[in-house]
């Protein structure tokens, strides 16, 4: 008999919500694409929930900076979602446009 799979709780840093709001505002008001903004939010949510099932399967963001926890990431369109896993928590930390200088954006 196999053990039940680990269940993770989902948490978000406020910075993630700031990132998401900025991306949605850009799509909605600058590009004037409200439908694309809605699809983007749906895709981000679907990606997060899919990774919640097994969060450590995602790629680890490689950096020379010492971190107490590895940053896992996955793509949603041109954006990257970053999160960490500790205990029974998957904590979503950032949503960053892929063309940005990530070394300056990730503390």
PDB file of N, CA and C in Angstrom:
ATOM      1  N   UNK A   1       0.851  -1.176   0.000  1.00  0.00           N
ATOM      2  CA  UNK A   1       0.000   0.000   0.000  1.00  0.00           C
ATOM      3  C   UNK A   1       0.893   1.235   0.000  1.00  0.00           C
ATOM      4  N   UNK A   2       0.675   2.145  -0.942  1.00  0.00           N
ATOM      5  CA  UNK A   2       1.517   3.337  -1.040  1.00  0.00           C
ATOM      6  C   UNK A   2       0.962   4.468  -0.186  1.00  0.00           C
ATOM      7  N   UNK A   3       1.876   5.351   0.206  1.00  0.00           N
ATOM      8  CA  UNK A   3       1.480   6.498   1.027  1.00  0.00           C
ATOM      9  C   UNK A   3       0.715   7.504   0.169  1.00  0.00           C
ATOM     10  N   UNK A   4      -0.171   8.249   0.811  1.00  0.00           N
ATOM     11  CA  UNK A   4      -0.910   9.285   0.096  1.00  0.00           C
ATOM     12  C   UNK A   4       0.055  10.378  -0.342  1.00  0.00           C
ATOM     13  N   UNK A   5      -0.183  10.964  -1.518  1.00  0.00           N
ATOM     14  CA  UNK A   5       0.719  12.025  -1.968  1.00  0.00           C
ATOM     15  C   UNK A   5       0.643  13.230  -1.034  1.00  0.00           C
ATOM     16  N   UNK A   6       1.767  13.930  -0.942  1.00  0.00           N
ATOM     17  CA  UNK A   6       1.841  15.140  -0.112  1.00  0.00           C
ATOM     18  C   UNK A   6       0.853  16.172  -0.644  1.00  0.00           C
ATOM     19  N   UNK A   7       0.140  16.800   0.244  1.00  0.00           N
ATOM     20  CA  UNK A   7      -0.768  17.887  -0.134  1.00  0.00           C
ATOM     21  C   UNK A   7      -0.134  19.185   0.317  1.00  0.00           C
ATOM     22  N   UNK A   8      -0.121  20.166  -0.558  1.00  0.00           N
ATOM     23  CA  UNK A   8       0.498  21.449  -0.270  1.00  0.00           C
ATOM     24  C   UNK A   8      -0.559  22.538  -0.126  1.00  0.00           C
ATOM     25  N   UNK A   9      -0.279  23.444   0.794  1.00  0.00           N
ATOM     26  CA  UNK A   9      -1.104  24.641   0.942  1.00  0.00           C
ATOM     27  C   UNK A   9      -0.507  25.717   0.041  1.00  0.00           C
ATOM     28  N   UNK A  10      -1.350  26.594  -0.451  1.00  0.00           N
ATOM     29  CA  UNK A  10      -0.921  27.640  -1.364  1.00  0.00           C
ATOM     30  C   UNK A  10      -0.908  28.979  -0.634  1.00  0.00           C
ATOM     31  N   UNK A  11       0.200  29.699  -0.768  1.00  0.00           N
ATOM     32  CA  UNK A  11       0.330  31.048  -0.216  1.00  0.00           C
ATOM     33  C   UNK A  11       0.894  31.952  -1.305  1.00  0.00           C
ATOM     34  N   UNK A  12       0.594  33.237  -1.189  1.00  0.00           N
ATOM     35  CA  UNK A  12       1.098  34.223  -2.141  1.00  0.00           C
ATOM     36  C   UNK A  12       1.752  35.370  -1.379  1.00  0.00           C
ATOM     37  N   UNK A  13       2.866  35.848  -1.876  1.00  0.00           N
ATOM     38  CA  UNK A  13       3.441  37.077  -1.346  1.00  0.00           C
ATOM     39  C   UNK A  13       2.687  38.256  -1.961  1.00  0.00           C
ATOM     40  N   UNK A  14       2.556  39.351  -1.224  1.00  0.00           N
ATOM     41  CA  UNK A  14       1.901  40.538  -1.799  1.00  0.00           C
ATOM     42  C   UNK A  14       2.588  41.014  -3.086  1.00  0.00           C
ATOM     43  N   UNK A  15       3.878  40.823  -3.188  1.00  0.00           N
ATOM     44  CA  UNK A  15       4.611  41.229  -4.377  1.00  0.00           C
ATOM     45  C   UNK A  15       4.103  40.506  -5.633  1.00  0.00           C
ATOM     46  N   UNK A  16       3.691  39.249  -5.490  1.00  0.00           N
ATOM     47  CA  UNK A  16       3.123  38.530  -6.623  1.00  0.00           C
ATOM     48  C   UNK A  16       1.856  39.235  -7.106  1.00  0.00           C
ATOM     49  N   UNK A  17       0.994  39.650  -6.173  1.00  0.00           N
ATOM     50  CA  UNK A  17      -0.252  40.319  -6.560  1.00  0.00           C
ATOM     51  C   UNK A  17       0.053  41.643  -7.254  1.00  0.00           C
ATOM     52  N   UNK A  18       1.078  42.358  -6.781  1.00  0.00           N
ATOM     53  CA  UNK A  18       1.488  43.594  -7.450  1.00  0.00           C
ATOM     54  C   UNK A  18       1.928  43.306  -8.880  1.00  0.00           C
ATOM     55  N   UNK A  19       2.738  42.256  -9.044  1.00  0.00           N
ATOM     56  CA  UNK A  19       3.208  41.868 -10.378  1.00  0.00           C
ATOM     57  C   UNK A  19       2.039  41.515 -11.293  1.00  0.00           C
ATOM     58  N   UNK A  20       1.109  40.712 -10.772  1.00  0.00           N
ATOM     59  CA  UNK A  20      -0.041  40.279 -11.570  1.00  0.00           C
ATOM     60  C   UNK A  20      -0.904  41.477 -11.957  1.00  0.00           C
ATOM     61  N   UNK A  21      -1.154  42.365 -11.017  1.00  0.00           N
ATOM     62  CA  UNK A  21      -1.965  43.553 -11.315  1.00  0.00           C
ATOM     63  C   UNK A  21      -1.302  44.429 -12.377  1.00  0.00           C
ATOM     64  N   UNK A  22       0.021  44.567 -12.309  1.00  0.00           N
ATOM     65  CA  UNK A  22       0.739  45.371 -13.306  1.00  0.00           C
ATOM     66  C   UNK A  22       0.630  44.730 -14.684  1.00  0.00           C
ATOM     67  N   UNK A  23       0.792  43.418 -14.770  1.00  0.00           N
ATOM     68  CA  UNK A  23       0.706  42.720 -16.056  1.00  0.00           C
ATOM     69  C   UNK A  23      -0.703  42.839 -16.641  1.00  0.00           C
ATOM     70  N   UNK A  24      -1.710  42.655 -15.810  1.00  0.00           N
ATOM     71  CA  UNK A  24      -3.098  42.728 -16.278  1.00  0.00           C
ATOM     72  C   UNK A  24      -3.434  44.160 -16.707  1.00  0.00           C
ATOM     73  N   UNK A  25      -2.984  45.140 -15.943  1.00  0.00           N
ATOM     74  CA  UNK A  25      -3.234  46.545 -16.315  1.00  0.00           C
ATOM     75  C   UNK A  25      -2.588  46.874 -17.655  1.00  0.00           C
ATOM     76  N   UNK A  26      -1.379  46.383 -17.871  1.00  0.00           N
ATOM     77  CA  UNK A  26      -0.699  46.623 -19.140  1.00  0.00           C
ATOM     78  C   UNK A  26      -1.498  46.021 -20.305  1.00  0.00           C
ATOM     79  N   UNK A  27      -1.909  44.776 -20.142  1.00  0.00           N
ATOM     80  CA  UNK A  27      -2.690  44.135 -21.196  1.00  0.00           C
ATOM     81  C   UNK A  27      -4.016  44.854 -21.437  1.00  0.00           C
ATOM     82  N   UNK A  28      -4.657  45.197 -20.363  1.00  0.00           N
ATOM     83  CA  UNK A  28      -6.010  45.744 -20.458  1.00  0.00           C
ATOM     84  C   UNK A  28      -6.029  47.200 -20.933  1.00  0.00           C
ATOM     85  N   UNK A  29      -5.138  48.036 -20.375  1.00  0.00           N
ATOM     86  CA  UNK A  29      -5.222  49.470 -20.645  1.00  0.00           C
ATOM     87  C   UNK A  29      -4.206  49.980 -21.665  1.00  0.00           C
ATOM     88  N   UNK A  30      -3.011  49.434 -21.676  1.00  0.00           N
ATOM     89  CA  UNK A  30      -2.009  49.899 -22.629  1.00  0.00           C
ATOM     90  C   UNK A  30      -2.219  49.217 -23.983  1.00  0.00           C
ATOM     91  N   UNK A  31      -2.338  47.894 -23.956  1.00  0.00           N
ATOM     92  CA  UNK A  31      -2.559  47.161 -25.200  1.00  0.00           C
ATOM     93  C   UNK A  31      -4.037  47.128 -25.612  1.00  0.00           C
ATOM     94  N   UNK A  32      -4.906  47.570 -24.708  1.00  0.00           N
ATOM     95  CA  UNK A  32      -6.360  47.591 -24.943  1.00  0.00           C
ATOM     96  C   UNK A  32      -6.880  46.215 -25.346  1.00  0.00           C
ATOM     97  N   UNK A  33      -6.484  45.232 -24.532  1.00  0.00           N
ATOM     98  CA  UNK A  33      -6.859  43.841 -24.802  1.00  0.00           C
ATOM     99  C   UNK A  33      -7.443  43.203 -23.535  1.00  0.00           C
ATOM    100  N   UNK A  34      -8.646  43.625 -23.135  1.00  0.00           N
ATOM    101  CA  UNK A  34      -9.224  43.084 -21.899  1.00  0.00           C
ATOM    102  C   UNK A  34      -9.466  41.580 -21.933  1.00  0.00           C
ATOM    103  N   UNK A  35      -9.793  41.041 -23.116  1.00  0.00           N
ATOM    104  CA  UNK A  35     -10.008  39.595 -23.209  1.00  0.00           C
ATOM    105  C   UNK A  35      -8.688  38.847 -23.008  1.00  0.00           C
ATOM    106  N   UNK A  36      -7.610  39.390 -23.546  1.00  0.00           N
ATOM    107  CA  UNK A  36      -6.289  38.780 -23.343  1.00  0.00           C
ATOM    108  C   UNK A  36      -5.893  38.834 -21.878  1.00  0.00           C
ATOM    109  N   UNK A  37      -6.253  39.915 -21.201  1.00  0.00           N
ATOM    110  CA  UNK A  37      -5.956  40.038 -19.775  1.00  0.00           C
ATOM    111  C   UNK A  37      -6.675  38.953 -18.983  1.00  0.00           C
ATOM    112  N   UNK A  38      -7.925  38.706 -19.319  1.00  0.00           N
ATOM    113  CA  UNK A  38      -8.689  37.655 -18.638  1.00  0.00           C
ATOM    114  C   UNK A  38      -8.092  36.278 -18.915  1.00  0.00           C
ATOM    115  N   UNK A  39      -7.731  36.014 -20.154  1.00  0.00           N
ATOM    116  CA  UNK A  39      -7.116  34.727 -20.490  1.00  0.00           C
ATOM    117  C   UNK A  39      -5.773  34.553 -19.768  1.00  0.00           C
ATOM    118  N   UNK A  40      -5.037  35.638 -19.628  1.00  0.00           N
ATOM    119  CA  UNK A  40      -3.751  35.590 -18.933  1.00  0.00           C
ATOM    120  C   UNK A  40      -3.947  35.215 -17.464  1.00  0.00           C
ATOM    121  N   UNK A  41      -4.890  35.857 -16.795  1.00  0.00           N
ATOM    122  CA  UNK A  41      -5.166  35.531 -15.389  1.00  0.00           C
ATOM    123  C   UNK A  41      -5.578  34.073 -15.255  1.00  0.00           C
ATOM    124  N   UNK A  42      -6.427  33.608 -16.156  1.00  0.00           N
ATOM    125  CA  UNK A  42      -6.850  32.201 -16.125  1.00  0.00           C
ATOM    126  C   UNK A  42      -5.660  31.269 -16.314  1.00  0.00           C
ATOM    127  N   UNK A  43      -4.755  31.615 -17.224  1.00  0.00           N
ATOM    128  CA  UNK A  43      -3.580  30.772 -17.485  1.00  0.00           C
ATOM    129  C   UNK A  43      -2.626  30.757 -16.291  1.00  0.00           C
ATOM    130  N   UNK A  44      -2.448  31.912 -15.645  1.00  0.00           N
ATOM    131  CA  UNK A  44      -1.591  31.968 -14.450  1.00  0.00           C
ATOM    132  C   UNK A  44      -2.186  31.095 -13.352  1.00  0.00           C
ATOM    133  N   UNK A  45      -3.483  31.237 -13.119  1.00  0.00           N
ATOM    134  CA  UNK A  45      -4.143  30.436 -12.089  1.00  0.00           C
ATOM    135  C   UNK A  45      -4.047  28.944 -12.403  1.00  0.00           C
ATOM    136  N   UNK A  46      -4.282  28.570 -13.650  1.00  0.00           N
ATOM    137  CA  UNK A  46      -4.215  27.159 -14.031  1.00  0.00           C
ATOM    138  C   UNK A  46      -2.799  26.614 -13.836  1.00  0.00           C
ATOM    139  N   UNK A  47      -1.796  27.392 -14.193  1.00  0.00           N
ATOM    140  CA  UNK A  47      -0.414  26.952 -14.012  1.00  0.00           C
ATOM    141  C   UNK A  47      -0.058  26.759 -12.556  1.00  0.00           C
ATOM    142  N   UNK A  48      -0.481  27.685 -11.722  1.00  0.00           N
ATOM    143  CA  UNK A  48      -0.196  27.575 -10.289  1.00  0.00           C
ATOM    144  C   UNK A  48      -0.876  26.345  -9.703  1.00  0.00           C
ATOM    145  N   UNK A  49      -2.138  26.154 -10.025  1.00  0.00           N
ATOM    146  CA  UNK A  49      -2.862  25.003  -9.478  1.00  0.00           C
ATOM    147  C   UNK A  49      -2.287  23.684  -9.993  1.00  0.00           C
ATOM    148  N   UNK A  50      -1.836  23.657 -11.235  1.00  0.00           N
ATOM    149  CA  UNK A  50      -1.213  22.442 -11.773  1.00  0.00           C
ATOM    150  C   UNK A  50       0.083  22.133 -11.023  1.00  0.00           C
ATOM    151  N   UNK A  51       0.871  23.152 -10.717  1.00  0.00           N
ATOM    152  CA  UNK A  51       2.130  22.930 -10.004  1.00  0.00           C
ATOM    153  C   UNK A  51       1.914  22.627  -8.525  1.00  0.00           C
ATOM    154  N   UNK A  52       0.773  23.008  -7.995  1.00  0.00           N
ATOM    155  CA  UNK A  52       0.469  22.722  -6.597  1.00  0.00           C
ATOM    156  C   UNK A  52       0.399  21.219  -6.332  1.00  0.00           C
ATOM    157  N   UNK A  53       0.035  20.445  -7.329  1.00  0.00           N
ATOM    158  CA  UNK A  53      -0.051  18.990  -7.182  1.00  0.00           C
ATOM    159  C   UNK A  53       1.315  18.367  -6.900  1.00  0.00           C
ATOM    160  N   UNK A  54       2.366  18.908  -7.511  1.00  0.00           N
ATOM    161  CA  UNK A  54       3.725  18.391  -7.329  1.00  0.00           C
ATOM    162  C   UNK A  54       4.709  19.534  -7.588  1.00  0.00           C
ATOM    163  N   UNK A  55       4.835  20.472  -6.651  1.00  0.00           N
ATOM    164  CA  UNK A  55       5.573  21.706  -6.918  1.00  0.00           C
ATOM    165  C   UNK A  55       7.069  21.537  -7.160  1.00  0.00           C
ATOM    166  N   UNK A  56       7.671  20.489  -6.659  1.00  0.00           N
ATOM    167  CA  UNK A  56       9.121  20.354  -6.828  1.00  0.00           C
ATOM    168  C   UNK A  56       9.507  19.737  -8.168  1.00  0.00           C
ATOM    169  N   UNK A  57       8.540  19.494  -9.036  1.00  0.00           N
ATOM    170  CA  UNK A  57       8.842  18.950 -10.357  1.00  0.00           C
ATOM    171  C   UNK A  57       9.256  20.057 -11.334  1.00  0.00           C
ATOM    172  N   UNK A  58       8.982  21.304 -11.008  1.00  0.00           N
ATOM    173  CA  UNK A  58       9.308  22.419 -11.900  1.00  0.00           C
ATOM    174  C   UNK A  58      10.817  22.650 -11.941  1.00  0.00           C
ATOM    175  N   UNK A  59      11.229  23.457 -12.898  1.00  0.00           N
ATOM    176  CA  UNK A  59      12.634  23.818 -13.019  1.00  0.00           C
ATOM    177  C   UNK A  59      13.068  24.695 -11.848  1.00  0.00           C
ATOM    178  N   UNK A  60      14.326  24.544 -11.445  1.00  0.00           N
ATOM    179  CA  UNK A  60      14.891  25.397 -10.401  1.00  0.00           C
ATOM    180  C   UNK A  60      15.618  26.538 -11.087  1.00  0.00           C
ATOM    181  N   UNK A  61      15.358  27.767 -10.640  1.00  0.00           N
ATOM    182  CA  UNK A  61      16.026  28.937 -11.201  1.00  0.00           C
ATOM    183  C   UNK A  61      17.479  28.921 -10.747  1.00  0.00           C
ATOM    184  N   UNK A  62      18.383  28.864 -11.715  1.00  0.00           N
ATOM    185  CA  UNK A  62      19.813  28.788 -11.415  1.00  0.00           C
ATOM    186  C   UNK A  62      20.358  30.195 -11.207  1.00  0.00           C
ATOM    187  N   UNK A  63      21.044  30.389 -10.101  1.00  0.00           N
ATOM    188  CA  UNK A  63      21.610  31.684  -9.763  1.00  0.00           C
ATOM    189  C   UNK A  63      22.885  31.484  -8.958  1.00  0.00           C
ATOM    190  N   UNK A  64      23.734  32.474  -8.960  1.00  0.00           N
ATOM    191  CA  UNK A  64      24.948  32.401  -8.142  1.00  0.00           C
ATOM    192  C   UNK A  64      24.680  32.907  -6.728  1.00  0.00           C
ATOM    193  N   UNK A  65      23.544  33.515  -6.520  1.00  0.00           N
ATOM    194  CA  UNK A  65      23.183  34.053  -5.206  1.00  0.00           C
ATOM    195  C   UNK A  65      22.783  32.920  -4.259  1.00  0.00           C
ATOM    196  N   UNK A  66      23.278  32.999  -3.035  1.00  0.00           N
ATOM    197  CA  UNK A  66      22.892  32.018  -2.009  1.00  0.00           C
ATOM    198  C   UNK A  66      21.441  32.260  -1.605  1.00  0.00           C
ATOM    199  N   UNK A  67      20.657  31.221  -1.609  1.00  0.00           N
ATOM    200  CA  UNK A  67      19.248  31.308  -1.206  1.00  0.00           C
ATOM    201  C   UNK A  67      18.957  30.193  -0.211  1.00  0.00           C
ATOM    202  N   UNK A  68      18.174  30.513   0.809  1.00  0.00           N
ATOM    203  CA  UNK A  68      17.827  29.452   1.769  1.00  0.00           C
ATOM    204  C   UNK A  68      16.923  28.385   1.153  1.00  0.00           C
ATOM    205  N   UNK A  69      16.145  28.777   0.136  1.00  0.00           N
ATOM    206  CA  UNK A  69      15.237  27.846  -0.547  1.00  0.00           C
ATOM    207  C   UNK A  69      15.396  28.014  -2.051  1.00  0.00           C
ATOM    208  N   UNK A  70      15.334  26.928  -2.805  1.00  0.00           N
ATOM    209  CA  UNK A  70      15.401  27.082  -4.259  1.00  0.00           C
ATOM    210  C   UNK A  70      14.146  27.761  -4.800  1.00  0.00           C
ATOM    211  N   UNK A  71      14.346  28.571  -5.813  1.00  0.00           N
ATOM    212  CA  UNK A  71      13.229  29.193  -6.526  1.00  0.00           C
ATOM    213  C   UNK A  71      12.869  28.286  -7.699  1.00  0.00           C
ATOM    214  N   UNK A  72      11.649  27.794  -7.692  1.00  0.00           N
ATOM    215  CA  UNK A  72      11.121  27.030  -8.810  1.00  0.00           C
ATOM    216  C   UNK A  72      10.399  28.005  -9.743  1.00  0.00           C
ATOM    217  N   UNK A  73      10.309  27.637 -11.010  1.00  0.00           N
ATOM    218  CA  UNK A  73       9.634  28.529 -11.948  1.00  0.00           C
ATOM    219  C   UNK A  73       8.997  27.756 -13.088  1.00  0.00           C
ATOM    220  N   UNK A  74       8.020  28.426 -13.707  1.00  0.00           N
ATOM    221  CA  UNK A  74       7.397  27.929 -14.928  1.00  0.00           C
ATOM    222  C   UNK A  74       6.907  29.133 -15.729  1.00  0.00           C
ATOM    223  N   UNK A  75       6.711  28.905 -17.015  1.00  0.00           N
ATOM    224  CA  UNK A  75       6.307  29.980 -17.921  1.00  0.00           C
ATOM    225  C   UNK A  75       4.793  30.019 -18.106  1.00  0.00           C
ATOM    226  N   UNK A  76       4.312  31.244 -18.251  1.00  0.00           N
ATOM    227  CA  UNK A  76       2.946  31.496 -18.692  1.00  0.00           C
ATOM    228  C   UNK A  76       3.072  32.562 -19.772  1.00  0.00           C
ATOM    229  N   UNK A  77       3.020  32.132 -21.000  1.00  0.00           N
ATOM    230  CA  UNK A  77       3.253  33.066 -22.105  1.00  0.00           C
ATOM    231  C   UNK A  77       4.667  33.626 -22.000  1.00  0.00           C
ATOM    232  N   UNK A  78       4.774  34.947 -22.002  1.00  0.00           N
ATOM    233  CA  UNK A  78       6.074  35.618 -21.909  1.00  0.00           C
ATOM    234  C   UNK A  78       6.491  35.887 -20.463  1.00  0.00           C
ATOM    235  N   UNK A  79       5.721  35.406 -19.515  1.00  0.00           N
ATOM    236  CA  UNK A  79       5.982  35.660 -18.096  1.00  0.00           C
ATOM    237  C   UNK A  79       6.494  34.402 -17.406  1.00  0.00           C
ATOM    238  N   UNK A  80       7.139  34.618 -16.286  1.00  0.00           N
ATOM    239  CA  UNK A  80       7.659  33.518 -15.469  1.00  0.00           C
ATOM    240  C   UNK A  80       7.070  33.644 -14.064  1.00  0.00           C
ATOM    241  N   UNK A  81       6.541  32.552 -13.559  1.00  0.00           N
ATOM    242  CA  UNK A  81       6.020  32.494 -12.189  1.00  0.00           C
ATOM    243  C   UNK A  81       7.098  31.841 -11.322  1.00  0.00           C
ATOM    244  N   UNK A  82       7.465  32.498 -10.227  1.00  0.00           N
ATOM    245  CA  UNK A  82       8.482  31.991  -9.311  1.00  0.00           C
ATOM    246  C   UNK A  82       7.839  31.659  -7.967  1.00  0.00           C
ATOM    247  N   UNK A  83       8.267  30.537  -7.397  1.00  0.00           N
ATOM    248  CA  UNK A  83       7.743  30.136  -6.091  1.00  0.00           C
ATOM    249  C   UNK A  83       8.786  29.317  -5.347  1.00  0.00           C
ATOM    250  N   UNK A  84       8.562  29.176  -4.048  1.00  0.00           N
ATOM    251  CA  UNK A  84       9.399  28.326  -3.204  1.00  0.00           C
ATOM    252  C   UNK A  84       8.502  27.307  -2.529  1.00  0.00           C
ATOM    253  N   UNK A  85       9.122  26.241  -2.046  1.00  0.00           N
ATOM    254  CA  UNK A  85       8.393  25.192  -1.338  1.00  0.00           C
ATOM    255  C   UNK A  85       9.079  24.974   0.005  1.00  0.00           C
ATOM    256  N   UNK A  86       8.293  25.010   1.063  1.00  0.00           N
ATOM    257  CA  UNK A  86       8.811  24.693   2.392  1.00  0.00           C
ATOM    258  C   UNK A  86       7.696  24.041   3.196  1.00  0.00           C
ATOM    259  N   UNK A  87       8.106  23.086   4.017  1.00  0.00           N
ATOM    260  CA  UNK A  87       7.139  22.301   4.788  1.00  0.00           C
ATOM    261  C   UNK A  87       6.041  21.806   3.844  1.00  0.00           C
ATOM    262  N   UNK A  88       4.806  22.184   4.125  1.00  0.00           N
ATOM    263  CA  UNK A  88       3.691  21.774   3.263  1.00  0.00           C
ATOM    264  C   UNK A  88       3.119  22.970   2.503  1.00  0.00           C
ATOM    265  N   UNK A  89       3.978  23.950   2.218  1.00  0.00           N
ATOM    266  CA  UNK A  89       3.538  25.201   1.598  1.00  0.00           C
ATOM    267  C   UNK A  89       4.230  25.412   0.250  1.00  0.00           C
ATOM    268  N   UNK A  90       3.443  25.808  -0.742  1.00  0.00           N
ATOM    269  CA  UNK A  90       3.966  26.334  -1.997  1.00  0.00           C
ATOM    270  C   UNK A  90       3.656  27.823  -1.962  1.00  0.00           C
ATOM    271  N   UNK A  91       4.719  28.632  -1.866  1.00  0.00           N
ATOM    272  CA  UNK A  91       4.546  30.079  -1.735  1.00  0.00           C
ATOM    273  C   UNK A  91       4.917  30.755  -3.056  1.00  0.00           C
ATOM    274  N   UNK A  92       3.934  31.318  -3.717  1.00  0.00           N
ATOM    275  CA  UNK A  92       4.146  32.002  -4.993  1.00  0.00           C
ATOM    276  C   UNK A  92       4.669  33.397  -4.677  1.00  0.00           C
ATOM    277  N   UNK A  93       5.843  33.715  -5.257  1.00  0.00           N
ATOM    278  CA  UNK A  93       6.523  34.955  -4.886  1.00  0.00           C
ATOM    279  C   UNK A  93       6.507  36.034  -5.951  1.00  0.00           C
ATOM    280  N   UNK A  94       6.728  35.674  -7.206  1.00  0.00           N
ATOM    281  CA  UNK A  94       6.843  36.697  -8.250  1.00  0.00           C
ATOM    282  C   UNK A  94       6.223  36.229  -9.551  1.00  0.00           C
ATOM    283  N   UNK A  95       5.830  37.201 -10.369  1.00  0.00           N
ATOM    284  CA  UNK A  95       5.401  37.009 -11.745  1.00  0.00           C
ATOM    285  C   UNK A  95       6.156  38.063 -12.541  1.00  0.00           C
ATOM    286  N   UNK A  96       7.131  37.629 -13.334  1.00  0.00           N
ATOM    287  CA  UNK A  96       8.039  38.576 -13.982  1.00  0.00           C
ATOM    288  C   UNK A  96       8.043  38.340 -15.485  1.00  0.00           C
ATOM    289  N   UNK A  97       8.020  39.443 -16.223  1.00  0.00           N
ATOM    290  CA  UNK A  97       8.122  39.369 -17.678  1.00  0.00           C
ATOM    291  C   UNK A  97       9.474  38.774 -18.028  1.00  0.00           C
ATOM    292  N   UNK A  98       9.504  37.794 -18.907  1.00  0.00           N
ATOM    293  CA  UNK A  98      10.711  37.034 -19.199  1.00  0.00           C
ATOM    294  C   UNK A  98      11.868  37.838 -19.750  1.00  0.00           C
ATOM    295  N   UNK A  99      11.610  38.987 -20.372  1.00  0.00           N
ATOM    296  CA  UNK A  99      12.689  39.784 -20.944  1.00  0.00           C
ATOM    297  C   UNK A  99      13.339  40.714 -19.917  1.00  0.00           C
ATOM    298  N   UNK A 100      12.856  40.727 -18.704  1.00  0.00           N
ATOM    299  CA  UNK A 100      13.421  41.590 -17.665  1.00  0.00           C
ATOM    300  C   UNK A 100      14.729  41.017 -17.154  1.00  0.00           C
ATOM    301  N   UNK A 101      15.515  41.855 -16.495  1.00  0.00           N
ATOM    302  CA  UNK A 101      16.775  41.434 -15.877  1.00  0.00           C
ATOM    303  C   UNK A 101      16.439  40.735 -14.561  1.00  0.00           C
ATOM    304  N   UNK A 102      16.375  39.416 -14.594  1.00  0.00           N
ATOM    305  CA  UNK A 102      15.945  38.655 -13.421  1.00  0.00           C
ATOM    306  C   UNK A 102      16.912  38.785 -12.260  1.00  0.00           C
ATOM    307  N   UNK A 103      18.184  38.999 -12.533  1.00  0.00           N
ATOM    308  CA  UNK A 103      19.154  39.107 -11.434  1.00  0.00           C
ATOM    309  C   UNK A 103      18.860  40.333 -10.574  1.00  0.00           C
ATOM    310  N   UNK A 104      18.237  41.345 -11.149  1.00  0.00           N
ATOM    311  CA  UNK A 104      17.885  42.536 -10.372  1.00  0.00           C
ATOM    312  C   UNK A 104      16.506  42.420  -9.754  1.00  0.00           C
ATOM    313  N   UNK A 105      15.661  41.561 -10.311  1.00  0.00           N
ATOM    314  CA  UNK A 105      14.271  41.476  -9.868  1.00  0.00           C
ATOM    315  C   UNK A 105      14.044  40.492  -8.723  1.00  0.00           C
ATOM    316  N   UNK A 106      14.873  39.466  -8.648  1.00  0.00           N
ATOM    317  CA  UNK A 106      14.685  38.453  -7.608  1.00  0.00           C
ATOM    318  C   UNK A 106      15.647  38.722  -6.459  1.00  0.00           C
ATOM    319  N   UNK A 107      15.107  39.040  -5.291  1.00  0.00           N
ATOM    320  CA  UNK A 107      15.979  39.338  -4.143  1.00  0.00           C
ATOM    321  C   UNK A 107      16.754  38.137  -3.683  1.00  0.00           C
TER     322      UNK A 107
END
